[in-house]
Amino acid sequence: MNPLKNKYSLLFCLLLCSHTALSFAERGDRDKPIHIEADHVVVDDARQVSTFEGNVQMRQGTLSIEASKIVVTQDKKGFNQMTATGQPAHFRQKRDGVDEYAEGYGERIVYDTLAETADLFGQARVQRGGDDVRGEHIIYNTKTSVFQVFGTTVKNPDTPNQGRVTIVIQPKEQPGETAPDAPTLPIKPSTTLTLPKP
């Protein structure tokens, strides 16, 4: 195998993945290096497809994606679609501007840089702060932070709540809202204080 061609293929692969990761990550992560580990990598320059297989771990700053397999496809305009599969596939990223992380799980996670959406399929779950969203299919718009959650249409009479959407939303502290002040003790003159002699 030609070592020079391997070098260029790996460079192309990293550039292809960087566009996907940059769209997914906190703004501060954009200048961070991308680290990818996998057991096997195939780069198809002609089809603009890179395939990472076997315990795939992708990191860029606060962004991390872990999956059994990640396939990155680039269209003619330079937009990418990344499909991560696993049992489950997992992503975690720090939210921009807040000290909080968003985490997502699913048997399949599809991220589209053009639409700026992450679709999670199969026992899908997204956690953000104390909030927890679960369903069979979750569409998360990373630009607007809007969720769409769908349950499964297959019903089992033995487990009537299976397949329904479950959402837990934690109460948020209102701006300017603080804990109530502790009662103040009244000030009383001391009965034991003696004045210094002149």
N, C-alpha and C. Protein backbone atom coordinates (compact mmCIF):
# COMPACT_ATOMS: atom_id res chain seq x y z
N MET A 1 0.84 -1.18 0.00
CA MET A 1 0.00 0.00 0.00
C MET A 1 0.88 1.24 0.00
N ASN A 2 0.50 2.25 -0.75
CA ASN A 2 1.26 3.48 -0.89
C ASN A 2 1.16 4.32 0.39
N PRO A 3 2.28 4.55 1.14
CA PRO A 3 2.20 5.31 2.39
C PRO A 3 1.75 6.74 2.18
N LEU A 4 2.10 7.36 1.03
CA LEU A 4 1.68 8.73 0.76
C LEU A 4 0.16 8.79 0.59
N LYS A 5 -0.40 7.82 -0.14
CA LYS A 5 -1.85 7.77 -0.33
C LYS A 5 -2.55 7.55 1.01
N ASN A 6 -1.98 6.69 1.86
CA ASN A 6 -2.55 6.47 3.19
C ASN A 6 -2.58 7.76 3.99
N LYS A 7 -1.51 8.54 3.90
CA LYS A 7 -1.42 9.81 4.64
C LYS A 7 -2.51 10.76 4.18
N TYR A 8 -2.71 10.89 2.85
CA TYR A 8 -3.74 11.78 2.34
C TYR A 8 -5.14 11.27 2.66
N SER A 9 -5.34 9.96 2.62
CA SER A 9 -6.65 9.39 2.95
C SER A 9 -6.99 9.68 4.40
N LEU A 10 -6.03 9.53 5.30
CA LEU A 10 -6.28 9.79 6.71
C LEU A 10 -6.56 11.28 6.92
N LEU A 11 -5.83 12.16 6.23
CA LEU A 11 -6.06 13.59 6.34
C LEU A 11 -7.47 13.93 5.86
N PHE A 12 -7.88 13.35 4.74
CA PHE A 12 -9.23 13.59 4.22
C PHE A 12 -10.27 13.12 5.23
N CYS A 13 -10.03 11.96 5.80
CA CYS A 13 -10.96 11.37 6.77
C CYS A 13 -11.12 12.30 7.98
N LEU A 14 -10.02 12.83 8.48
CA LEU A 14 -10.07 13.73 9.63
C LEU A 14 -10.80 15.02 9.28
N LEU A 15 -10.57 15.55 8.09
CA LEU A 15 -11.26 16.77 7.67
C LEU A 15 -12.76 16.52 7.53
N LEU A 16 -13.12 15.37 6.99
CA LEU A 16 -14.52 15.00 6.82
C LEU A 16 -15.21 14.91 8.16
N CYS A 17 -14.57 14.28 9.12
CA CYS A 17 -15.16 14.12 10.45
C CYS A 17 -15.18 15.44 11.21
N SER A 18 -14.20 16.30 10.95
CA SER A 18 -14.13 17.54 11.71
C SER A 18 -15.34 18.42 11.44
N HIS A 19 -15.83 18.43 10.21
CA HIS A 19 -16.99 19.26 9.91
C HIS A 19 -18.20 18.77 10.68
N THR A 20 -18.37 17.45 10.77
CA THR A 20 -19.47 16.90 11.54
C THR A 20 -19.31 17.24 13.01
N ALA A 21 -18.13 17.01 13.54
CA ALA A 21 -17.91 17.25 14.96
C ALA A 21 -18.03 18.73 15.31
N LEU A 22 -17.58 19.61 14.42
CA LEU A 22 -17.65 21.03 14.70
C LEU A 22 -19.09 21.49 14.83
N SER A 23 -19.98 20.93 14.04
CA SER A 23 -21.37 21.34 14.11
C SER A 23 -22.04 20.84 15.38
N PHE A 24 -21.53 19.73 15.92
CA PHE A 24 -22.12 19.09 17.08
C PHE A 24 -21.61 19.70 18.37
N ALA A 25 -20.40 20.25 18.39
CA ALA A 25 -19.71 20.61 19.62
C ALA A 25 -19.98 22.03 20.04
N GLU A 26 -19.63 22.32 21.30
CA GLU A 26 -19.66 23.67 21.82
C GLU A 26 -18.75 24.55 20.96
N ARG A 27 -19.08 25.84 20.83
CA ARG A 27 -18.29 26.73 19.97
C ARG A 27 -16.81 26.74 20.35
N GLY A 28 -16.51 26.69 21.64
CA GLY A 28 -15.12 26.71 22.09
C GLY A 28 -14.34 25.48 21.67
N ASP A 29 -15.03 24.41 21.29
CA ASP A 29 -14.36 23.17 20.89
C ASP A 29 -13.89 23.19 19.44
N ARG A 30 -14.30 24.19 18.68
CA ARG A 30 -14.03 24.19 17.24
C ARG A 30 -12.54 24.20 16.90
N ASP A 31 -11.74 24.79 17.77
CA ASP A 31 -10.31 24.86 17.50
C ASP A 31 -9.52 23.73 18.14
N LYS A 32 -10.23 22.82 18.78
CA LYS A 32 -9.56 21.71 19.44
C LYS A 32 -9.27 20.59 18.43
N PRO A 33 -8.20 19.81 18.66
CA PRO A 33 -7.91 18.70 17.75
C PRO A 33 -8.94 17.58 17.88
N ILE A 34 -9.11 16.82 16.82
CA ILE A 34 -10.04 15.68 16.80
C ILE A 34 -9.23 14.42 17.01
N HIS A 35 -9.67 13.59 17.95
CA HIS A 35 -9.02 12.31 18.22
C HIS A 35 -10.01 11.20 17.89
N ILE A 36 -9.60 10.27 17.04
CA ILE A 36 -10.46 9.15 16.66
C ILE A 36 -9.70 7.86 16.88
N GLU A 37 -10.35 6.92 17.54
CA GLU A 37 -9.78 5.59 17.71
C GLU A 37 -10.80 4.57 17.24
N ALA A 38 -10.33 3.57 16.50
CA ALA A 38 -11.19 2.49 16.03
C ALA A 38 -10.32 1.29 15.73
N ASP A 39 -10.94 0.12 15.67
CA ASP A 39 -10.19 -1.08 15.33
C ASP A 39 -9.89 -1.15 13.83
N HIS A 40 -10.77 -0.51 13.01
CA HIS A 40 -10.63 -0.61 11.55
C HIS A 40 -11.21 0.64 10.90
N VAL A 41 -10.51 1.20 9.90
CA VAL A 41 -10.97 2.40 9.19
C VAL A 41 -10.88 2.16 7.70
N VAL A 42 -11.94 2.53 6.97
CA VAL A 42 -11.94 2.48 5.51
C VAL A 42 -12.34 3.87 5.01
N VAL A 43 -11.50 4.46 4.14
CA VAL A 43 -11.78 5.77 3.55
C VAL A 43 -11.98 5.56 2.05
N ASP A 44 -13.18 5.91 1.57
CA ASP A 44 -13.50 5.79 0.15
C ASP A 44 -13.55 7.20 -0.43
N ASP A 45 -12.42 7.65 -1.02
CA ASP A 45 -12.33 9.01 -1.56
C ASP A 45 -13.34 9.25 -2.69
N ALA A 46 -13.56 8.25 -3.52
CA ALA A 46 -14.44 8.41 -4.67
C ALA A 46 -15.88 8.67 -4.23
N ARG A 47 -16.34 7.95 -3.23
CA ARG A 47 -17.73 8.09 -2.75
C ARG A 47 -17.85 9.09 -1.61
N GLN A 48 -16.72 9.64 -1.11
CA GLN A 48 -16.72 10.58 0.01
C GLN A 48 -17.35 9.96 1.27
N VAL A 49 -16.94 8.72 1.56
CA VAL A 49 -17.47 7.98 2.71
C VAL A 49 -16.30 7.46 3.54
N SER A 50 -16.36 7.68 4.84
CA SER A 50 -15.37 7.12 5.76
C SER A 50 -16.10 6.24 6.76
N THR A 51 -15.58 5.05 6.99
CA THR A 51 -16.21 4.08 7.89
C THR A 51 -15.23 3.70 8.99
N PHE A 52 -15.65 3.88 10.23
CA PHE A 52 -14.85 3.52 11.40
C PHE A 52 -15.58 2.37 12.09
N GLU A 53 -14.88 1.29 12.39
CA GLU A 53 -15.54 0.14 13.01
C GLU A 53 -14.73 -0.38 14.19
N GLY A 54 -15.45 -0.91 15.19
CA GLY A 54 -14.82 -1.56 16.33
C GLY A 54 -14.46 -0.61 17.45
N ASN A 55 -15.34 -0.50 18.45
CA ASN A 55 -15.10 0.32 19.63
C ASN A 55 -14.63 1.72 19.23
N VAL A 56 -15.43 2.40 18.43
CA VAL A 56 -15.06 3.72 17.90
C VAL A 56 -15.23 4.78 18.98
N GLN A 57 -14.21 5.59 19.16
CA GLN A 57 -14.25 6.69 20.11
C GLN A 57 -13.76 7.95 19.40
N MET A 58 -14.65 8.94 19.33
CA MET A 58 -14.32 10.20 18.68
C MET A 58 -14.40 11.30 19.73
N ARG A 59 -13.39 12.15 19.82
CA ARG A 59 -13.35 13.23 20.81
C ARG A 59 -12.87 14.52 20.15
N GLN A 60 -13.51 15.62 20.54
CA GLN A 60 -13.04 16.95 20.16
C GLN A 60 -13.46 17.90 21.27
N GLY A 61 -12.50 18.29 22.10
CA GLY A 61 -12.83 19.14 23.24
C GLY A 61 -13.79 18.44 24.17
N THR A 62 -14.97 19.04 24.39
CA THR A 62 -15.95 18.45 25.30
C THR A 62 -16.87 17.45 24.60
N LEU A 63 -16.79 17.36 23.29
CA LEU A 63 -17.63 16.43 22.54
C LEU A 63 -17.02 15.03 22.55
N SER A 64 -17.85 14.03 22.83
CA SER A 64 -17.39 12.65 22.70
C SER A 64 -18.51 11.82 22.10
N ILE A 65 -18.13 10.92 21.18
CA ILE A 65 -19.07 9.99 20.56
C ILE A 65 -18.45 8.61 20.66
N GLU A 66 -19.24 7.66 21.15
CA GLU A 66 -18.78 6.28 21.26
C GLU A 66 -19.80 5.38 20.57
N ALA A 67 -19.31 4.47 19.73
CA ALA A 67 -20.20 3.60 18.98
C ALA A 67 -19.44 2.37 18.51
N SER A 68 -20.19 1.36 18.08
CA SER A 68 -19.56 0.19 17.46
C SER A 68 -19.08 0.53 16.06
N LYS A 69 -19.86 1.43 15.40
CA LYS A 69 -19.53 1.79 14.01
C LYS A 69 -19.99 3.22 13.75
N ILE A 70 -19.16 3.99 13.05
CA ILE A 70 -19.54 5.33 12.62
C ILE A 70 -19.24 5.45 11.13
N VAL A 71 -20.25 5.87 10.37
CA VAL A 71 -20.09 6.10 8.93
C VAL A 71 -20.34 7.58 8.67
N VAL A 72 -19.36 8.25 8.03
CA VAL A 72 -19.48 9.68 7.71
C VAL A 72 -19.52 9.82 6.19
N THR A 73 -20.60 10.47 5.71
CA THR A 73 -20.77 10.70 4.27
C THR A 73 -20.84 12.19 4.01
N GLN A 74 -20.10 12.66 2.99
CA GLN A 74 -20.10 14.08 2.64
C GLN A 74 -20.77 14.26 1.29
N ASP A 75 -21.68 15.27 1.20
CA ASP A 75 -22.32 15.53 -0.09
C ASP A 75 -21.47 16.51 -0.90
N LYS A 76 -21.94 16.86 -2.12
CA LYS A 76 -21.16 17.69 -3.03
C LYS A 76 -21.00 19.12 -2.51
N LYS A 77 -21.90 19.56 -1.63
CA LYS A 77 -21.81 20.92 -1.07
C LYS A 77 -20.96 20.96 0.19
N GLY A 78 -20.46 19.81 0.64
CA GLY A 78 -19.61 19.77 1.82
C GLY A 78 -20.32 19.47 3.12
N PHE A 79 -21.65 19.25 3.06
CA PHE A 79 -22.38 18.89 4.27
C PHE A 79 -22.21 17.40 4.54
N ASN A 80 -22.23 17.05 5.83
CA ASN A 80 -21.98 15.68 6.23
C ASN A 80 -23.17 15.07 6.93
N GLN A 81 -23.27 13.76 6.81
CA GLN A 81 -24.20 12.99 7.61
C GLN A 81 -23.40 11.90 8.30
N MET A 82 -23.53 11.84 9.62
CA MET A 82 -22.82 10.85 10.40
C MET A 82 -23.83 9.89 11.00
N THR A 83 -23.60 8.59 10.81
CA THR A 83 -24.46 7.57 11.39
C THR A 83 -23.64 6.72 12.34
N ALA A 84 -24.00 6.76 13.62
CA ALA A 84 -23.32 5.97 14.65
C ALA A 84 -24.27 4.87 15.11
N THR A 85 -23.78 3.64 15.15
CA THR A 85 -24.60 2.52 15.62
C THR A 85 -23.88 1.82 16.77
N GLY A 86 -24.66 1.26 17.68
CA GLY A 86 -24.08 0.56 18.82
C GLY A 86 -25.16 0.02 19.72
N GLN A 87 -24.76 -0.54 20.83
CA GLN A 87 -25.71 -1.14 21.78
C GLN A 87 -25.55 -0.53 23.16
N PRO A 88 -25.82 0.73 23.40
CA PRO A 88 -26.23 1.73 22.41
C PRO A 88 -25.05 2.58 21.97
N ALA A 89 -25.27 3.39 20.92
CA ALA A 89 -24.32 4.45 20.57
C ALA A 89 -24.57 5.59 21.56
N HIS A 90 -23.56 6.41 21.79
CA HIS A 90 -23.65 7.42 22.84
C HIS A 90 -22.91 8.69 22.42
N PHE A 91 -23.52 9.85 22.67
CA PHE A 91 -22.80 11.10 22.49
C PHE A 91 -22.95 11.94 23.75
N ARG A 92 -21.96 12.78 23.99
CA ARG A 92 -21.98 13.69 25.13
C ARG A 92 -21.31 14.98 24.69
N GLN A 93 -21.91 16.12 25.00
CA GLN A 93 -21.31 17.39 24.66
C GLN A 93 -21.70 18.44 25.68
N LYS A 94 -20.79 19.39 25.91
CA LYS A 94 -21.09 20.51 26.78
C LYS A 94 -21.95 21.49 26.00
N ARG A 95 -22.99 21.96 26.62
CA ARG A 95 -23.85 22.93 25.96
C ARG A 95 -23.15 24.28 25.91
N ASP A 96 -23.38 25.00 24.84
CA ASP A 96 -22.71 26.28 24.62
C ASP A 96 -23.23 27.32 25.61
N GLY A 97 -22.30 27.95 26.33
CA GLY A 97 -22.66 29.05 27.20
C GLY A 97 -23.16 28.68 28.58
N VAL A 98 -23.32 27.40 28.89
CA VAL A 98 -23.76 26.98 30.22
C VAL A 98 -22.89 25.84 30.72
N ASP A 99 -22.83 25.69 32.03
CA ASP A 99 -22.04 24.62 32.62
C ASP A 99 -22.92 23.38 32.74
N GLU A 100 -23.26 22.81 31.59
CA GLU A 100 -24.19 21.69 31.55
C GLU A 100 -23.88 20.84 30.32
N TYR A 101 -24.09 19.54 30.44
CA TYR A 101 -23.85 18.62 29.34
C TYR A 101 -25.16 18.04 28.83
N ALA A 102 -25.20 17.76 27.54
CA ALA A 102 -26.30 17.00 26.94
C ALA A 102 -25.74 15.64 26.57
N GLU A 103 -26.49 14.58 26.86
CA GLU A 103 -26.08 13.22 26.52
C GLU A 103 -27.20 12.54 25.78
N GLY A 104 -26.84 11.75 24.78
CA GLY A 104 -27.84 11.03 24.02
C GLY A 104 -27.44 9.58 23.82
N TYR A 105 -28.44 8.69 23.79
CA TYR A 105 -28.22 7.27 23.61
C TYR A 105 -29.22 6.76 22.58
N GLY A 106 -28.81 5.78 21.81
CA GLY A 106 -29.73 5.14 20.87
C GLY A 106 -29.01 4.02 20.15
N GLU A 107 -29.79 3.08 19.62
CA GLU A 107 -29.18 2.00 18.84
C GLU A 107 -28.57 2.56 17.56
N ARG A 108 -29.17 3.69 17.09
CA ARG A 108 -28.63 4.37 15.91
C ARG A 108 -28.80 5.87 16.11
N ILE A 109 -27.73 6.64 15.88
CA ILE A 109 -27.77 8.10 15.98
C ILE A 109 -27.33 8.65 14.62
N VAL A 110 -28.19 9.46 14.01
CA VAL A 110 -27.88 10.07 12.71
C VAL A 110 -27.80 11.57 12.91
N TYR A 111 -26.63 12.16 12.60
CA TYR A 111 -26.47 13.60 12.72
C TYR A 111 -26.28 14.19 11.33
N ASP A 112 -27.08 15.20 11.01
CA ASP A 112 -27.06 15.85 9.70
C ASP A 112 -26.60 17.29 9.89
N THR A 113 -25.44 17.65 9.31
CA THR A 113 -24.91 19.01 9.49
C THR A 113 -25.71 20.05 8.72
N LEU A 114 -26.40 19.65 7.64
CA LEU A 114 -27.21 20.61 6.89
C LEU A 114 -28.45 20.98 7.69
N ALA A 115 -29.17 19.97 8.18
CA ALA A 115 -30.40 20.21 8.95
C ALA A 115 -30.10 20.58 10.40
N GLU A 116 -28.86 20.31 10.85
CA GLU A 116 -28.46 20.51 12.25
C GLU A 116 -29.38 19.76 13.20
N THR A 117 -29.62 18.49 12.84
CA THR A 117 -30.47 17.64 13.68
C THR A 117 -29.74 16.35 14.03
N ALA A 118 -30.06 15.85 15.21
CA ALA A 118 -29.60 14.53 15.62
C ALA A 118 -30.85 13.67 15.79
N ASP A 119 -30.93 12.58 15.03
CA ASP A 119 -32.03 11.64 15.13
C ASP A 119 -31.53 10.43 15.91
N LEU A 120 -32.20 10.09 16.99
CA LEU A 120 -31.84 8.92 17.78
C LEU A 120 -32.94 7.88 17.64
N PHE A 121 -32.57 6.67 17.28
CA PHE A 121 -33.54 5.60 17.02
C PHE A 121 -33.27 4.42 17.95
N GLY A 122 -34.33 3.76 18.39
CA GLY A 122 -34.20 2.51 19.15
C GLY A 122 -33.79 2.76 20.59
N GLN A 123 -34.77 2.72 21.50
CA GLN A 123 -34.53 2.98 22.92
C GLN A 123 -33.78 4.30 23.10
N ALA A 124 -34.27 5.32 22.42
CA ALA A 124 -33.60 6.62 22.38
C ALA A 124 -33.79 7.35 23.71
N ARG A 125 -32.75 8.09 24.09
CA ARG A 125 -32.78 8.84 25.34
C ARG A 125 -31.87 10.05 25.22
N VAL A 126 -32.35 11.22 25.69
CA VAL A 126 -31.53 12.42 25.76
C VAL A 126 -31.68 12.99 27.17
N GLN A 127 -30.54 13.25 27.80
CA GLN A 127 -30.52 13.85 29.13
C GLN A 127 -29.80 15.19 29.03
N ARG A 128 -30.38 16.20 29.68
CA ARG A 128 -29.79 17.53 29.68
C ARG A 128 -30.05 18.14 31.03
N GLY A 129 -28.99 18.36 31.80
CA GLY A 129 -29.19 18.79 33.18
C GLY A 129 -29.92 17.69 33.91
N GLY A 130 -30.99 18.01 34.61
CA GLY A 130 -31.80 17.00 35.27
C GLY A 130 -32.94 16.50 34.41
N ASP A 131 -33.12 17.09 33.22
CA ASP A 131 -34.21 16.68 32.34
C ASP A 131 -33.85 15.37 31.64
N ASP A 132 -34.87 14.54 31.40
CA ASP A 132 -34.66 13.22 30.81
C ASP A 132 -35.80 12.94 29.84
N VAL A 133 -35.47 12.67 28.57
CA VAL A 133 -36.46 12.40 27.53
C VAL A 133 -36.20 11.01 26.96
N ARG A 134 -37.25 10.17 26.90
CA ARG A 134 -37.10 8.81 26.38
C ARG A 134 -38.23 8.50 25.40
N GLY A 135 -37.87 7.78 24.35
CA GLY A 135 -38.85 7.35 23.36
C GLY A 135 -38.19 6.41 22.38
N GLU A 136 -38.94 5.98 21.39
CA GLU A 136 -38.38 5.09 20.38
C GLU A 136 -37.59 5.88 19.34
N HIS A 137 -37.99 7.14 19.11
CA HIS A 137 -37.32 7.99 18.13
C HIS A 137 -37.34 9.43 18.67
N ILE A 138 -36.17 10.03 18.78
CA ILE A 138 -36.06 11.42 19.23
C ILE A 138 -35.35 12.22 18.14
N ILE A 139 -35.95 13.33 17.76
CA ILE A 139 -35.30 14.27 16.85
C ILE A 139 -34.91 15.48 17.69
N TYR A 140 -33.62 15.79 17.73
CA TYR A 140 -33.12 16.91 18.53
C TYR A 140 -32.46 17.90 17.59
N ASN A 141 -33.04 19.11 17.52
CA ASN A 141 -32.46 20.17 16.70
C ASN A 141 -31.39 20.86 17.54
N THR A 142 -30.12 20.69 17.16
CA THR A 142 -29.02 21.22 17.97
C THR A 142 -28.91 22.74 17.89
N LYS A 143 -29.53 23.35 16.88
CA LYS A 143 -29.49 24.81 16.74
C LYS A 143 -30.54 25.47 17.62
N THR A 144 -31.77 24.91 17.61
CA THR A 144 -32.87 25.53 18.35
C THR A 144 -33.13 24.86 19.69
N SER A 145 -32.49 23.71 19.96
CA SER A 145 -32.71 22.92 21.19
C SER A 145 -34.16 22.45 21.32
N VAL A 146 -34.82 22.20 20.18
CA VAL A 146 -36.20 21.70 20.17
C VAL A 146 -36.18 20.17 20.02
N PHE A 147 -36.97 19.49 20.86
CA PHE A 147 -37.09 18.04 20.81
C PHE A 147 -38.41 17.64 20.17
N GLN A 148 -38.39 16.56 19.39
CA GLN A 148 -39.60 15.85 18.99
C GLN A 148 -39.40 14.41 19.43
N VAL A 149 -40.37 13.85 20.15
CA VAL A 149 -40.21 12.52 20.71
C VAL A 149 -41.39 11.67 20.27
N PHE A 150 -41.10 10.45 19.79
CA PHE A 150 -42.12 9.53 19.31
C PHE A 150 -42.00 8.20 20.04
N GLY A 151 -43.14 7.63 20.42
CA GLY A 151 -43.17 6.31 21.01
C GLY A 151 -43.28 5.27 19.91
N THR A 152 -43.23 4.01 20.29
CA THR A 152 -43.38 2.95 19.30
C THR A 152 -44.86 2.70 19.02
N THR A 153 -45.16 2.26 17.81
CA THR A 153 -46.56 1.98 17.45
C THR A 153 -46.93 0.54 17.78
N VAL A 154 -45.96 -0.29 18.16
CA VAL A 154 -46.24 -1.69 18.50
C VAL A 154 -46.71 -1.74 19.95
N LYS A 155 -47.90 -2.27 20.18
CA LYS A 155 -48.46 -2.34 21.51
C LYS A 155 -48.41 -3.78 22.03
N ASN A 156 -48.10 -3.92 23.32
CA ASN A 156 -48.08 -5.21 23.98
C ASN A 156 -49.10 -5.17 25.11
N PRO A 157 -50.15 -6.03 25.08
CA PRO A 157 -51.19 -5.96 26.12
C PRO A 157 -50.65 -6.27 27.52
N ASP A 158 -49.53 -7.00 27.61
CA ASP A 158 -48.96 -7.32 28.93
C ASP A 158 -48.26 -6.13 29.56
N THR A 159 -47.76 -5.21 28.75
CA THR A 159 -47.08 -4.00 29.26
C THR A 159 -47.68 -2.79 28.55
N PRO A 160 -48.86 -2.30 29.06
CA PRO A 160 -49.58 -1.23 28.34
C PRO A 160 -48.81 0.08 28.22
N ASN A 161 -47.90 0.39 29.13
CA ASN A 161 -47.16 1.65 29.05
C ASN A 161 -45.88 1.55 28.22
N GLN A 162 -45.53 0.33 27.79
CA GLN A 162 -44.33 0.17 26.97
C GLN A 162 -44.53 0.89 25.65
N GLY A 163 -43.49 1.59 25.20
CA GLY A 163 -43.56 2.28 23.92
C GLY A 163 -44.07 3.70 24.03
N ARG A 164 -44.49 4.10 25.21
CA ARG A 164 -44.94 5.48 25.37
C ARG A 164 -43.73 6.40 25.59
N VAL A 165 -43.92 7.66 25.33
CA VAL A 165 -42.87 8.66 25.53
C VAL A 165 -42.83 9.00 27.02
N THR A 166 -41.62 9.11 27.56
CA THR A 166 -41.45 9.48 28.98
C THR A 166 -40.56 10.73 29.04
N ILE A 167 -41.04 11.74 29.75
CA ILE A 167 -40.28 12.98 29.89
C ILE A 167 -40.28 13.39 31.35
N VAL A 168 -39.10 13.70 31.87
CA VAL A 168 -38.96 14.24 33.22
C VAL A 168 -38.33 15.62 33.09
N ILE A 169 -39.03 16.65 33.56
CA ILE A 169 -38.52 18.02 33.47
C ILE A 169 -38.36 18.55 34.88
N GLN A 170 -37.16 18.97 35.20
CA GLN A 170 -36.87 19.51 36.53
C GLN A 170 -37.31 20.96 36.60
N PRO A 171 -37.78 21.42 37.76
CA PRO A 171 -38.14 22.84 37.89
C PRO A 171 -36.90 23.71 37.74
N LYS A 172 -37.07 24.83 37.08
CA LYS A 172 -35.96 25.76 36.85
C LYS A 172 -36.09 26.94 37.81
N GLU A 173 -34.94 27.41 38.30
CA GLU A 173 -34.93 28.59 39.16
C GLU A 173 -35.22 29.81 38.30
N GLN A 174 -36.16 30.64 38.74
CA GLN A 174 -36.52 31.84 37.99
C GLN A 174 -35.44 32.91 38.15
N PRO A 175 -35.23 33.75 37.13
CA PRO A 175 -34.24 34.82 37.25
C PRO A 175 -34.60 35.74 38.42
N GLY A 176 -33.59 36.06 39.24
CA GLY A 176 -33.81 36.94 40.38
C GLY A 176 -34.37 36.22 41.59
N GLU A 177 -34.73 34.95 41.40
CA GLU A 177 -35.28 34.18 42.52
C GLU A 177 -34.14 33.65 43.37
N THR A 178 -34.19 33.92 44.65
CA THR A 178 -33.15 33.45 45.55
C THR A 178 -33.80 32.75 46.73
N ALA A 179 -33.00 32.06 47.48
CA ALA A 179 -33.51 31.38 48.67
C ALA A 179 -33.99 32.43 49.66
N PRO A 180 -35.05 32.12 50.43
CA PRO A 180 -35.54 33.12 51.40
C PRO A 180 -34.46 33.44 52.43
N ASP A 181 -34.44 34.72 52.83
CA ASP A 181 -33.45 35.16 53.81
C ASP A 181 -33.79 34.58 55.18
N ALA A 182 -32.75 34.26 55.92
CA ALA A 182 -32.96 33.81 57.29
C ALA A 182 -33.41 35.00 58.13
N PRO A 183 -34.27 34.77 59.12
CA PRO A 183 -34.73 35.91 59.93
C PRO A 183 -33.55 36.54 60.67
N THR A 184 -33.57 37.87 60.75
CA THR A 184 -32.49 38.57 61.45
C THR A 184 -32.83 38.69 62.92
N LEU A 185 -31.82 38.60 63.74
CA LEU A 185 -32.01 38.73 65.17
C LEU A 185 -31.97 40.21 65.55
N PRO A 186 -32.83 40.64 66.49
CA PRO A 186 -32.80 42.05 66.89
C PRO A 186 -31.53 42.37 67.66
N ILE A 187 -31.07 43.61 67.54
CA ILE A 187 -29.87 44.06 68.26
C ILE A 187 -30.32 44.62 69.60
N LYS A 188 -29.69 44.12 70.67
CA LYS A 188 -30.02 44.58 72.03
C LYS A 188 -28.76 45.13 72.66
N PRO A 189 -28.88 46.14 73.47
CA PRO A 189 -27.69 46.66 74.16
C PRO A 189 -27.15 45.63 75.15
N SER A 190 -25.84 45.60 75.30
CA SER A 190 -25.20 44.66 76.19
C SER A 190 -25.39 45.11 77.63
N THR A 191 -25.64 44.15 78.50
CA THR A 191 -25.78 44.47 79.92
C THR A 191 -24.47 44.22 80.66
N THR A 192 -23.49 43.63 80.00
CA THR A 192 -22.24 43.29 80.65
C THR A 192 -21.09 44.17 80.19
N LEU A 193 -21.29 44.99 79.20
CA LEU A 193 -20.21 45.82 78.66
C LEU A 193 -19.96 46.99 79.60
N THR A 194 -18.72 47.19 79.94
CA THR A 194 -18.33 48.35 80.79
C THR A 194 -17.52 49.30 79.95
N LEU A 195 -17.75 50.57 80.16
CA LEU A 195 -17.04 51.59 79.41
C LEU A 195 -15.66 51.77 80.02
N PRO A 196 -14.65 52.03 79.14
CA PRO A 196 -13.31 52.25 79.69
C PRO A 196 -13.26 53.53 80.52
N LYS A 197 -12.41 53.54 81.54
CA LYS A 197 -12.27 54.71 82.42
C LYS A 197 -11.43 55.76 81.71
N PRO A 198 -11.80 57.08 81.87
CA PRO A 198 -11.03 58.12 81.22
C PRO A 198 -9.66 58.35 81.84
